[in-house]
């Protein structure tokens, strides 16, 4: 872990120095915007590395608490951007103060069966009941679906990242934190590399209305680069190089889909970012949009193929 954190810190330091030099030399307006975006991403990475170092130092309980807080802020941003009605406030309160603690307590308790069902079964059945008891039927389906979808993306899906610590992989006991490191590293590197390749070579937009900055050139170049990096990191996982590359590819594709879907939701609400928590780079959900799709895919692939 010291080698990994040291290597990441060295890369980030080089990126920070390069960003500072480019900021002084670039004079065009578009060039400044690109450099500012890269510097914002580098700053966000510094914060994430610091959080991961803290989680590693204090172990599983702190890791779970940090992800629970992340889900709380992500859910708050989602609900704030997609406002609810007074009749839904009871359901929203239960989502925040019952199902977030419950979901992450199930991760802590290694209760994998209930962890997999608590939100998509019991929360999805309970929350509409809490809303309907207030007797307001106006746009009931849309209101209910919005709260359910918010809880699914920001709590259930994101909780699959720390849930990697629950998996019992033969010959890999006590090292599951490395799977979490692998997931977050591949997701974030994929986002950054797609942005870089898109700026350098991007011409063909994937979805110009939903996300004007995403291009096929960026997706292919950044995605393949992140996949190769994932394959090179096989030594920190229970996977072979080929398996690690396959897992990284699945993470890249899922993360891209997550970013695209969350961008569509933002655009439908007329917003550019989910929030302002991260200076110059939006809110917590802007950083976790890819994780919300990639984490459950990676968790279930690992659970299916590598646990007894």
C-alpha atoms as a PDB file:
ATOM      1  CA  UNK A   1       0.000   0.000   0.000  1.00  0.00           C
ATOM      2  CA  UNK A   2       2.874   2.381   0.765  1.00  0.00           C
ATOM      3  CA  UNK A   3       4.265   1.729  -2.719  1.00  0.00           C
ATOM      4  CA  UNK A   4       0.860   2.361  -4.286  1.00  0.00           C
ATOM      5  CA  UNK A   5       0.174   5.563  -2.371  1.00  0.00           C
ATOM      6  CA  UNK A   6       3.726   6.750  -3.006  1.00  0.00           C
ATOM      7  CA  UNK A   7       3.390   6.122  -6.725  1.00  0.00           C
ATOM      8  CA  UNK A   8       0.025   7.905  -6.930  1.00  0.00           C
ATOM      9  CA  UNK A   9       1.376  10.856  -4.926  1.00  0.00           C
ATOM     10  CA  UNK A  10       4.382  11.127  -7.271  1.00  0.00           C
ATOM     11  CA  UNK A  11       2.092  11.138 -10.331  1.00  0.00           C
ATOM     12  CA  UNK A  12      -0.170  13.766  -8.770  1.00  0.00           C
ATOM     13  CA  UNK A  13       2.806  15.922  -7.818  1.00  0.00           C
ATOM     14  CA  UNK A  14       4.047  15.780 -11.401  1.00  0.00           C
ATOM     15  CA  UNK A  15       0.538  16.636 -12.609  1.00  0.00           C
ATOM     16  CA  UNK A  16       0.258  19.577 -10.211  1.00  0.00           C
ATOM     17  CA  UNK A  17       3.617  20.993 -11.307  1.00  0.00           C
ATOM     18  CA  UNK A  18       2.726  20.534 -14.986  1.00  0.00           C
ATOM     19  CA  UNK A  19      -0.635  22.222 -14.420  1.00  0.00           C
ATOM     20  CA  UNK A  20       0.996  25.179 -12.685  1.00  0.00           C
ATOM     21  CA  UNK A  21       3.495  25.609 -15.546  1.00  0.00           C
ATOM     22  CA  UNK A  22       0.791  25.340 -18.221  1.00  0.00           C
ATOM     23  CA  UNK A  23      -1.410  27.848 -16.414  1.00  0.00           C
ATOM     24  CA  UNK A  24       1.344  30.457 -16.741  1.00  0.00           C
ATOM     25  CA  UNK A  25       2.178  29.678 -20.353  1.00  0.00           C
ATOM     26  CA  UNK A  26      -1.213  29.100 -21.974  1.00  0.00           C
ATOM     27  CA  UNK A  27      -2.739  32.321 -23.267  1.00  0.00           C
ATOM     28  CA  UNK A  28      -5.806  31.301 -25.295  1.00  0.00           C
ATOM     29  CA  UNK A  29      -9.231  31.260 -23.648  1.00  0.00           C
ATOM     30  CA  UNK A  30      -9.964  27.644 -24.584  1.00  0.00           C
ATOM     31  CA  UNK A  31      -6.488  26.594 -23.447  1.00  0.00           C
ATOM     32  CA  UNK A  32      -6.991  28.228 -20.055  1.00  0.00           C
ATOM     33  CA  UNK A  33     -10.341  26.476 -19.634  1.00  0.00           C
ATOM     34  CA  UNK A  34      -8.757  23.101 -20.411  1.00  0.00           C
ATOM     35  CA  UNK A  35      -5.841  23.665 -18.015  1.00  0.00           C
ATOM     36  CA  UNK A  36      -8.207  24.880 -15.268  1.00  0.00           C
ATOM     37  CA  UNK A  37     -10.327  21.745 -15.690  1.00  0.00           C
ATOM     38  CA  UNK A  38      -7.272  19.473 -15.489  1.00  0.00           C
ATOM     39  CA  UNK A  39      -6.026  21.318 -12.405  1.00  0.00           C
ATOM     40  CA  UNK A  40      -9.445  20.936 -10.785  1.00  0.00           C
ATOM     41  CA  UNK A  41      -9.378  17.205 -11.499  1.00  0.00           C
ATOM     42  CA  UNK A  42      -5.867  16.964 -10.011  1.00  0.00           C
ATOM     43  CA  UNK A  43      -7.011  18.770  -6.856  1.00  0.00           C
ATOM     44  CA  UNK A  44      -9.956  16.394  -6.569  1.00  0.00           C
ATOM     45  CA  UNK A  45      -7.546  13.467  -6.892  1.00  0.00           C
ATOM     46  CA  UNK A  46      -5.377  14.844  -4.059  1.00  0.00           C
ATOM     47  CA  UNK A  47      -8.458  14.925  -1.866  1.00  0.00           C
ATOM     48  CA  UNK A  48      -9.458  11.391  -2.806  1.00  0.00           C
ATOM     49  CA  UNK A  49      -5.953  10.048  -2.143  1.00  0.00           C
ATOM     50  CA  UNK A  50      -5.955  11.728   1.265  1.00  0.00           C
ATOM     51  CA  UNK A  51      -9.332  10.160   2.071  1.00  0.00           C
ATOM     52  CA  UNK A  52      -8.136   6.720   0.955  1.00  0.00           C
ATOM     53  CA  UNK A  53      -4.972   7.037   3.025  1.00  0.00           C
ATOM     54  CA  UNK A  54      -7.104   7.918   6.051  1.00  0.00           C
ATOM     55  CA  UNK A  55      -9.422   4.983   5.396  1.00  0.00           C
ATOM     56  CA  UNK A  56      -6.504   2.572   5.004  1.00  0.00           C
ATOM     57  CA  UNK A  57      -4.860   3.831   8.190  1.00  0.00           C
ATOM     58  CA  UNK A  58      -7.982   3.316  10.310  1.00  0.00           C
ATOM     59  CA  UNK A  59      -9.430   0.260   8.584  1.00  0.00           C
ATOM     60  CA  UNK A  60     -12.875  -0.991   7.603  1.00  0.00           C
ATOM     61  CA  UNK A  61     -15.075   1.067  10.006  1.00  0.00           C
ATOM     62  CA  UNK A  62     -13.648   4.408   8.849  1.00  0.00           C
ATOM     63  CA  UNK A  63     -13.834   3.344   5.199  1.00  0.00           C
ATOM     64  CA  UNK A  64     -17.527   2.511   5.589  1.00  0.00           C
ATOM     65  CA  UNK A  65     -18.240   5.777   7.419  1.00  0.00           C
ATOM     66  CA  UNK A  66     -16.518   7.794   4.687  1.00  0.00           C
ATOM     67  CA  UNK A  67     -18.579   6.121   1.972  1.00  0.00           C
ATOM     68  CA  UNK A  68     -21.756   6.557   4.034  1.00  0.00           C
ATOM     69  CA  UNK A  69     -21.049  10.289   4.256  1.00  0.00           C
ATOM     70  CA  UNK A  70     -20.375  10.333   0.509  1.00  0.00           C
ATOM     71  CA  UNK A  71     -23.758   8.713  -0.122  1.00  0.00           C
ATOM     72  CA  UNK A  72     -25.404  11.230   2.213  1.00  0.00           C
ATOM     73  CA  UNK A  73     -23.975  14.205   0.302  1.00  0.00           C
ATOM     74  CA  UNK A  74     -24.729  12.632  -3.072  1.00  0.00           C
ATOM     75  CA  UNK A  75     -28.334  11.938  -2.080  1.00  0.00           C
ATOM     76  CA  UNK A  76     -28.683  15.476  -0.755  1.00  0.00           C
ATOM     77  CA  UNK A  77     -27.426  16.905  -4.053  1.00  0.00           C
ATOM     78  CA  UNK A  78     -29.805  14.676  -6.051  1.00  0.00           C
ATOM     79  CA  UNK A  79     -32.836  15.613  -3.928  1.00  0.00           C
ATOM     80  CA  UNK A  80     -31.884  19.306  -3.941  1.00  0.00           C
ATOM     81  CA  UNK A  81     -31.609  19.406  -7.726  1.00  0.00           C
ATOM     82  CA  UNK A  82     -34.826  17.427  -8.217  1.00  0.00           C
ATOM     83  CA  UNK A  83     -37.094  19.070  -5.624  1.00  0.00           C
ATOM     84  CA  UNK A  84     -39.848  17.127  -3.879  1.00  0.00           C
ATOM     85  CA  UNK A  85     -43.264  18.065  -2.502  1.00  0.00           C
ATOM     86  CA  UNK A  86     -44.269  18.272   1.186  1.00  0.00           C
ATOM     87  CA  UNK A  87     -46.131  14.971   0.836  1.00  0.00           C
ATOM     88  CA  UNK A  88     -42.800  13.275   0.049  1.00  0.00           C
ATOM     89  CA  UNK A  89     -40.813  14.646   2.985  1.00  0.00           C
ATOM     90  CA  UNK A  90     -41.493  11.618   5.198  1.00  0.00           C
ATOM     91  CA  UNK A  91     -40.211   9.259   2.509  1.00  0.00           C
ATOM     92  CA  UNK A  92     -37.145  11.453   1.949  1.00  0.00           C
ATOM     93  CA  UNK A  93     -36.388  11.505   5.698  1.00  0.00           C
ATOM     94  CA  UNK A  94     -36.591   7.698   5.851  1.00  0.00           C
ATOM     95  CA  UNK A  95     -34.275   7.436   2.851  1.00  0.00           C
ATOM     96  CA  UNK A  96     -31.689   9.625   4.596  1.00  0.00           C
ATOM     97  CA  UNK A  97     -31.954   8.536   8.202  1.00  0.00           C
ATOM     98  CA  UNK A  98     -32.978   4.882   7.948  1.00  0.00           C
ATOM     99  CA  UNK A  99     -31.726   3.388   4.708  1.00  0.00           C
ATOM    100  CA  UNK A 100     -28.308   5.065   4.503  1.00  0.00           C
ATOM    101  CA  UNK A 101     -27.286   3.879   8.010  1.00  0.00           C
ATOM    102  CA  UNK A 102     -28.923   0.482   7.431  1.00  0.00           C
ATOM    103  CA  UNK A 103     -27.209  -0.124   4.095  1.00  0.00           C
ATOM    104  CA  UNK A 104     -23.753   0.675   5.437  1.00  0.00           C
ATOM    105  CA  UNK A 105     -24.325  -1.207   8.697  1.00  0.00           C
ATOM    106  CA  UNK A 106     -25.084  -4.278   6.576  1.00  0.00           C
ATOM    107  CA  UNK A 107     -21.700  -3.788   4.868  1.00  0.00           C
ATOM    108  CA  UNK A 108     -20.023  -3.562   8.277  1.00  0.00           C
ATOM    109  CA  UNK A 109     -21.866  -6.675   9.490  1.00  0.00           C
ATOM    110  CA  UNK A 110     -20.964  -8.656   6.320  1.00  0.00           C
ATOM    111  CA  UNK A 111     -24.667  -9.420   5.807  1.00  0.00           C
ATOM    112  CA  UNK A 112     -24.403  -9.741   2.051  1.00  0.00           C
ATOM    113  CA  UNK A 113     -27.846 -11.252   1.366  1.00  0.00           C
ATOM    114  CA  UNK A 114     -29.824  -8.466   3.083  1.00  0.00           C
ATOM    115  CA  UNK A 115     -27.369  -5.873   1.751  1.00  0.00           C
ATOM    116  CA  UNK A 116     -28.387  -6.923  -1.759  1.00  0.00           C
ATOM    117  CA  UNK A 117     -32.144  -6.682  -1.038  1.00  0.00           C
ATOM    118  CA  UNK A 118     -32.723  -3.944   1.547  1.00  0.00           C
ATOM    119  CA  UNK A 119     -33.054  -1.016  -0.856  1.00  0.00           C
ATOM    120  CA  UNK A 120     -34.270  -2.551  -4.151  1.00  0.00           C
ATOM    121  CA  UNK A 121     -36.949  -4.570  -2.341  1.00  0.00           C
ATOM    122  CA  UNK A 122     -37.897  -3.157   1.065  1.00  0.00           C
ATOM    123  CA  UNK A 123     -37.093   0.525   0.501  1.00  0.00           C
ATOM    124  CA  UNK A 124     -38.783   0.505  -2.894  1.00  0.00           C
ATOM    125  CA  UNK A 125     -41.926  -0.968  -1.329  1.00  0.00           C
ATOM    126  CA  UNK A 126     -41.938   1.231   1.783  1.00  0.00           C
ATOM    127  CA  UNK A 127     -41.187   4.694   0.368  1.00  0.00           C
ATOM    128  CA  UNK A 128     -44.297   4.931  -1.882  1.00  0.00           C
ATOM    129  CA  UNK A 129     -46.454   3.901   1.104  1.00  0.00           C
ATOM    130  CA  UNK A 130     -45.051   6.758   3.187  1.00  0.00           C
ATOM    131  CA  UNK A 131     -45.863   9.207   0.399  1.00  0.00           C
ATOM    132  CA  UNK A 132     -49.312   7.887  -0.426  1.00  0.00           C
ATOM    133  CA  UNK A 133     -50.444   8.129   3.193  1.00  0.00           C
ATOM    134  CA  UNK A 134     -50.335  11.909   2.821  1.00  0.00           C
ATOM    135  CA  UNK A 135     -53.140  11.593   0.263  1.00  0.00           C
ATOM    136  CA  UNK A 136     -51.575  13.614  -2.565  1.00  0.00           C
ATOM    137  CA  UNK A 137     -51.835  11.855  -5.934  1.00  0.00           C
ATOM    138  CA  UNK A 138     -50.601  14.659  -8.198  1.00  0.00           C
ATOM    139  CA  UNK A 139     -47.590  13.285 -10.198  1.00  0.00           C
ATOM    140  CA  UNK A 140     -47.375  10.445  -7.697  1.00  0.00           C
ATOM    141  CA  UNK A 141     -45.554   8.038 -10.016  1.00  0.00           C
ATOM    142  CA  UNK A 142     -42.920  10.604 -11.030  1.00  0.00           C
ATOM    143  CA  UNK A 143     -42.361  11.723  -7.443  1.00  0.00           C
ATOM    144  CA  UNK A 144     -42.017   8.180  -6.145  1.00  0.00           C
ATOM    145  CA  UNK A 145     -39.732   7.072  -8.965  1.00  0.00           C
ATOM    146  CA  UNK A 146     -37.497  10.093  -8.384  1.00  0.00           C
ATOM    147  CA  UNK A 147     -36.900   9.246  -4.731  1.00  0.00           C
ATOM    148  CA  UNK A 148     -36.401   5.544  -5.483  1.00  0.00           C
ATOM    149  CA  UNK A 149     -33.950   6.297  -8.301  1.00  0.00           C
ATOM    150  CA  UNK A 150     -32.044   8.745  -6.111  1.00  0.00           C
ATOM    151  CA  UNK A 151     -31.690   6.157  -3.329  1.00  0.00           C
ATOM    152  CA  UNK A 152     -30.677   3.473  -5.812  1.00  0.00           C
ATOM    153  CA  UNK A 153     -27.903   5.522  -7.453  1.00  0.00           C
ATOM    154  CA  UNK A 154     -26.467   7.395  -4.503  1.00  0.00           C
ATOM    155  CA  UNK A 155     -26.756   4.792  -1.735  1.00  0.00           C
ATOM    156  CA  UNK A 156     -27.327   1.286  -3.065  1.00  0.00           C
ATOM    157  CA  UNK A 157     -24.958   1.509  -6.043  1.00  0.00           C
ATOM    158  CA  UNK A 158     -22.196   3.486  -4.312  1.00  0.00           C
ATOM    159  CA  UNK A 159     -22.303   1.164  -1.282  1.00  0.00           C
ATOM    160  CA  UNK A 160     -21.044  -1.638  -3.530  1.00  0.00           C
ATOM    161  CA  UNK A 161     -17.596  -0.011  -3.427  1.00  0.00           C
ATOM    162  CA  UNK A 162     -16.952  -0.617   0.316  1.00  0.00           C
ATOM    163  CA  UNK A 163     -18.941  -3.856   0.006  1.00  0.00           C
ATOM    164  CA  UNK A 164     -15.867  -5.247  -1.761  1.00  0.00           C
ATOM    165  CA  UNK A 165     -14.430  -5.571   1.756  1.00  0.00           C
ATOM    166  CA  UNK A 166     -17.064  -8.258   2.467  1.00  0.00           C
ATOM    167  CA  UNK A 167     -15.961 -10.679  -0.240  1.00  0.00           C
ATOM    168  CA  UNK A 168     -14.228 -13.886   0.841  1.00  0.00           C
ATOM    169  CA  UNK A 169     -11.715 -14.608  -1.927  1.00  0.00           C
ATOM    170  CA  UNK A 170      -9.512 -17.686  -1.379  1.00  0.00           C
ATOM    171  CA  UNK A 171      -5.849 -16.727  -1.072  1.00  0.00           C
ATOM    172  CA  UNK A 172      -6.684 -13.025  -0.896  1.00  0.00           C
ATOM    173  CA  UNK A 173      -7.753 -12.771   2.735  1.00  0.00           C
ATOM    174  CA  UNK A 174      -7.131  -9.430   4.421  1.00  0.00           C
ATOM    175  CA  UNK A 175      -6.296  -7.660   1.159  1.00  0.00           C
ATOM    176  CA  UNK A 176      -9.751  -6.587  -0.068  1.00  0.00           C
ATOM    177  CA  UNK A 177      -8.889  -2.924   0.369  1.00  0.00           C
ATOM    178  CA  UNK A 178      -6.729  -3.355  -2.739  1.00  0.00           C
ATOM    179  CA  UNK A 179      -9.857  -4.227  -4.750  1.00  0.00           C
ATOM    180  CA  UNK A 180     -11.382  -0.929  -3.642  1.00  0.00           C
ATOM    181  CA  UNK A 181      -8.177   0.855  -4.621  1.00  0.00           C
ATOM    182  CA  UNK A 182      -8.269  -0.893  -8.030  1.00  0.00           C
ATOM    183  CA  UNK A 183     -11.894   0.125  -8.647  1.00  0.00           C
ATOM    184  CA  UNK A 184     -11.506   3.800  -7.751  1.00  0.00           C
ATOM    185  CA  UNK A 185      -8.163   4.123  -9.562  1.00  0.00           C
ATOM    186  CA  UNK A 186      -9.474   2.680 -12.827  1.00  0.00           C
ATOM    187  CA  UNK A 187     -12.713   4.716 -12.650  1.00  0.00           C
ATOM    188  CA  UNK A 188     -11.007   8.027 -12.010  1.00  0.00           C
ATOM    189  CA  UNK A 189      -8.126   7.455 -14.423  1.00  0.00           C
ATOM    190  CA  UNK A 190     -10.649   6.537 -17.093  1.00  0.00           C
ATOM    191  CA  UNK A 191     -12.526   9.821 -16.546  1.00  0.00           C
ATOM    192  CA  UNK A 192      -9.332  11.884 -16.691  1.00  0.00           C
ATOM    193  CA  UNK A 193      -7.840  10.051 -19.679  1.00  0.00           C
ATOM    194  CA  UNK A 194     -11.101  10.236 -21.627  1.00  0.00           C
ATOM    195  CA  UNK A 195     -11.105  13.989 -21.043  1.00  0.00           C
ATOM    196  CA  UNK A 196      -7.437  14.317 -22.149  1.00  0.00           C
ATOM    197  CA  UNK A 197      -7.851  12.158 -25.266  1.00  0.00           C
ATOM    198  CA  UNK A 198     -11.067  13.979 -26.076  1.00  0.00           C
ATOM    199  CA  UNK A 199      -9.336  17.351 -25.908  1.00  0.00           C
ATOM    200  CA  UNK A 200      -6.386  16.152 -27.979  1.00  0.00           C
ATOM    201  CA  UNK A 201      -8.133  14.061 -30.626  1.00  0.00           C
ATOM    202  CA  UNK A 202     -11.890  14.362 -30.056  1.00  0.00           C
ATOM    203  CA  UNK A 203     -14.039  15.130 -33.092  1.00  0.00           C
ATOM    204  CA  UNK A 204     -17.043  12.791 -33.008  1.00  0.00           C
ATOM    205  CA  UNK A 205     -19.374  13.485 -30.081  1.00  0.00           C
ATOM    206  CA  UNK A 206     -21.073  10.535 -28.405  1.00  0.00           C
ATOM    207  CA  UNK A 207     -24.130  12.447 -27.185  1.00  0.00           C
ATOM    208  CA  UNK A 208     -23.755  16.154 -28.049  1.00  0.00           C
ATOM    209  CA  UNK A 209     -26.897  17.284 -26.244  1.00  0.00           C
ATOM    210  CA  UNK A 210     -26.379  15.205 -23.094  1.00  0.00           C
ATOM    211  CA  UNK A 211     -22.625  15.691 -22.661  1.00  0.00           C
ATOM    212  CA  UNK A 212     -20.910  17.855 -25.303  1.00  0.00           C
ATOM    213  CA  UNK A 213     -17.418  17.066 -23.958  1.00  0.00           C
ATOM    214  CA  UNK A 214     -17.664  13.286 -24.440  1.00  0.00           C
ATOM    215  CA  UNK A 215     -16.299  12.030 -27.759  1.00  0.00           C
ATOM    216  CA  UNK A 216     -15.756   8.595 -29.274  1.00  0.00           C
ATOM    217  CA  UNK A 217     -12.043   9.343 -29.628  1.00  0.00           C
ATOM    218  CA  UNK A 218     -11.843  10.223 -25.938  1.00  0.00           C
ATOM    219  CA  UNK A 219     -13.833   7.135 -24.949  1.00  0.00           C
ATOM    220  CA  UNK A 220     -11.711   4.747 -27.027  1.00  0.00           C
ATOM    221  CA  UNK A 221      -8.332   6.334 -26.246  1.00  0.00           C
ATOM    222  CA  UNK A 222      -8.977   6.994 -22.563  1.00  0.00           C
ATOM    223  CA  UNK A 223     -10.880   3.750 -22.042  1.00  0.00           C
ATOM    224  CA  UNK A 224      -8.190   1.570 -23.613  1.00  0.00           C
ATOM    225  CA  UNK A 225      -5.465   3.396 -21.657  1.00  0.00           C
ATOM    226  CA  UNK A 226      -7.334   2.863 -18.375  1.00  0.00           C
ATOM    227  CA  UNK A 227      -7.891  -0.794 -19.311  1.00  0.00           C
ATOM    228  CA  UNK A 228      -4.161  -1.286 -19.909  1.00  0.00           C
ATOM    229  CA  UNK A 229      -3.351   0.409 -16.595  1.00  0.00           C
ATOM    230  CA  UNK A 230      -5.851  -1.904 -14.899  1.00  0.00           C
ATOM    231  CA  UNK A 231      -4.189  -4.921 -16.495  1.00  0.00           C
ATOM    232  CA  UNK A 232      -0.798  -3.642 -15.259  1.00  0.00           C
ATOM    233  CA  UNK A 233      -2.209  -3.461 -11.718  1.00  0.00           C
ATOM    234  CA  UNK A 234      -3.075  -7.176 -11.694  1.00  0.00           C
ATOM    235  CA  UNK A 235      -0.436  -7.761  -8.996  1.00  0.00           C
ATOM    236  CA  UNK A 236      -2.554  -5.994  -6.363  1.00  0.00           C
ATOM    237  CA  UNK A 237      -5.624  -8.129  -7.187  1.00  0.00           C
ATOM    238  CA  UNK A 238      -6.545 -11.827  -7.200  1.00  0.00           C
ATOM    239  CA  UNK A 239      -6.810 -11.598 -11.017  1.00  0.00           C
ATOM    240  CA  UNK A 240      -4.429 -12.641 -13.757  1.00  0.00           C
ATOM    241  CA  UNK A 241      -3.235  -9.840 -16.108  1.00  0.00           C
ATOM    242  CA  UNK A 242      -5.896 -10.799 -18.657  1.00  0.00           C
ATOM    243  CA  UNK A 243      -8.616 -10.970 -15.999  1.00  0.00           C
ATOM    244  CA  UNK A 244      -7.538  -7.624 -14.533  1.00  0.00           C
ATOM    245  CA  UNK A 245      -7.739  -6.094 -18.010  1.00  0.00           C
ATOM    246  CA  UNK A 246     -11.228  -7.550 -18.471  1.00  0.00           C
ATOM    247  CA  UNK A 247     -12.360  -6.206 -15.113  1.00  0.00           C
ATOM    248  CA  UNK A 248     -10.888  -2.799 -15.906  1.00  0.00           C
ATOM    249  CA  UNK A 249     -12.688  -2.775 -19.265  1.00  0.00           C
ATOM    250  CA  UNK A 250     -16.007  -3.557 -17.542  1.00  0.00           C
ATOM    251  CA  UNK A 251     -15.346  -0.733 -15.053  1.00  0.00           C
ATOM    252  CA  UNK A 252     -14.548   1.701 -17.881  1.00  0.00           C
ATOM    253  CA  UNK A 253     -17.710   0.894 -19.856  1.00  0.00           C
ATOM    254  CA  UNK A 254     -19.955   0.963 -16.778  1.00  0.00           C
ATOM    255  CA  UNK A 255     -18.386   4.198 -15.545  1.00  0.00           C
ATOM    256  CA  UNK A 256     -18.901   5.869 -18.915  1.00  0.00           C
ATOM    257  CA  UNK A 257     -22.572   4.833 -18.906  1.00  0.00           C
ATOM    258  CA  UNK A 258     -22.981   6.187 -15.364  1.00  0.00           C
ATOM    259  CA  UNK A 259     -21.477   9.543 -16.277  1.00  0.00           C
ATOM    260  CA  UNK A 260     -23.718   9.791 -19.346  1.00  0.00           C
ATOM    261  CA  UNK A 261     -26.921   8.893 -17.469  1.00  0.00           C
ATOM    262  CA  UNK A 262     -26.208  11.296 -14.596  1.00  0.00           C
ATOM    263  CA  UNK A 263     -25.394  14.039 -17.122  1.00  0.00           C
ATOM    264  CA  UNK A 264     -28.769  13.469 -18.782  1.00  0.00           C
ATOM    265  CA  UNK A 265     -30.516  13.890 -15.431  1.00  0.00           C
ATOM    266  CA  UNK A 266     -28.630  17.147 -14.795  1.00  0.00           C
ATOM    267  CA  UNK A 267     -29.455  18.475 -18.238  1.00  0.00           C
ATOM    268  CA  UNK A 268     -33.122  17.599 -17.796  1.00  0.00           C
ATOM    269  CA  UNK A 269     -33.106  19.821 -14.704  1.00  0.00           C
ATOM    270  CA  UNK A 270     -31.220  22.616 -16.472  1.00  0.00           C
ATOM    271  CA  UNK A 271     -28.101  22.276 -14.307  1.00  0.00           C
ATOM    272  CA  UNK A 272     -24.415  22.044 -15.237  1.00  0.00           C
ATOM    273  CA  UNK A 273     -23.204  20.453 -11.986  1.00  0.00           C
ATOM    274  CA  UNK A 274     -24.787  18.524  -9.126  1.00  0.00           C
ATOM    275  CA  UNK A 275     -23.364  20.906  -6.531  1.00  0.00           C
ATOM    276  CA  UNK A 276     -20.417  23.067  -5.485  1.00  0.00           C
ATOM    277  CA  UNK A 277     -18.710  20.884  -2.869  1.00  0.00           C
ATOM    278  CA  UNK A 278     -15.522  20.415  -4.944  1.00  0.00           C
ATOM    279  CA  UNK A 279     -14.086  23.781  -5.924  1.00  0.00           C
ATOM    280  CA  UNK A 280     -14.118  24.206  -9.679  1.00  0.00           C
ATOM    281  CA  UNK A 281     -15.446  20.723 -10.267  1.00  0.00           C
ATOM    282  CA  UNK A 282     -19.050  20.494  -9.111  1.00  0.00           C
ATOM    283  CA  UNK A 283     -20.471  18.385  -6.317  1.00  0.00           C
ATOM    284  CA  UNK A 284     -19.829  15.000  -4.753  1.00  0.00           C
ATOM    285  CA  UNK A 285     -22.122  13.284  -7.258  1.00  0.00           C
ATOM    286  CA  UNK A 286     -20.156  14.794 -10.153  1.00  0.00           C
ATOM    287  CA  UNK A 287     -17.180  12.767  -8.885  1.00  0.00           C
ATOM    288  CA  UNK A 288     -19.176   9.645  -8.036  1.00  0.00           C
ATOM    289  CA  UNK A 289     -21.392   9.399 -11.115  1.00  0.00           C
ATOM    290  CA  UNK A 290     -19.100   6.850 -12.768  1.00  0.00           C
ATOM    291  CA  UNK A 291     -18.658   4.931  -9.504  1.00  0.00           C
ATOM    292  CA  UNK A 292     -22.423   4.562  -9.128  1.00  0.00           C
ATOM    293  CA  UNK A 293     -22.509   2.325 -12.204  1.00  0.00           C
ATOM    294  CA  UNK A 294     -19.035   0.786 -12.030  1.00  0.00           C
ATOM    295  CA  UNK A 295     -19.082  -0.326  -8.362  1.00  0.00           C
ATOM    296  CA  UNK A 296     -22.004  -2.809  -8.559  1.00  0.00           C
ATOM    297  CA  UNK A 297     -20.743  -4.247 -11.865  1.00  0.00           C
ATOM    298  CA  UNK A 298     -17.249  -4.811 -10.449  1.00  0.00           C
ATOM    299  CA  UNK A 299     -18.616  -6.162  -7.156  1.00  0.00           C
ATOM    300  CA  UNK A 300     -20.874  -8.749  -8.783  1.00  0.00           C
ATOM    301  CA  UNK A 301     -18.294  -9.855 -11.356  1.00  0.00           C
ATOM    302  CA  UNK A 302     -15.757 -10.388  -8.591  1.00  0.00           C
ATOM    303  CA  UNK A 303     -18.290 -12.112  -6.349  1.00  0.00           C
ATOM    304  CA  UNK A 304     -19.492 -14.436  -9.130  1.00  0.00           C
ATOM    305  CA  UNK A 305     -16.128 -15.502 -10.529  1.00  0.00           C
ATOM    306  CA  UNK A 306     -13.729 -15.345  -7.570  1.00  0.00           C
ATOM    307  CA  UNK A 307     -15.639 -16.323  -4.416  1.00  0.00           C
ATOM    308  CA  UNK A 308     -16.671 -19.881  -3.497  1.00  0.00           C
END
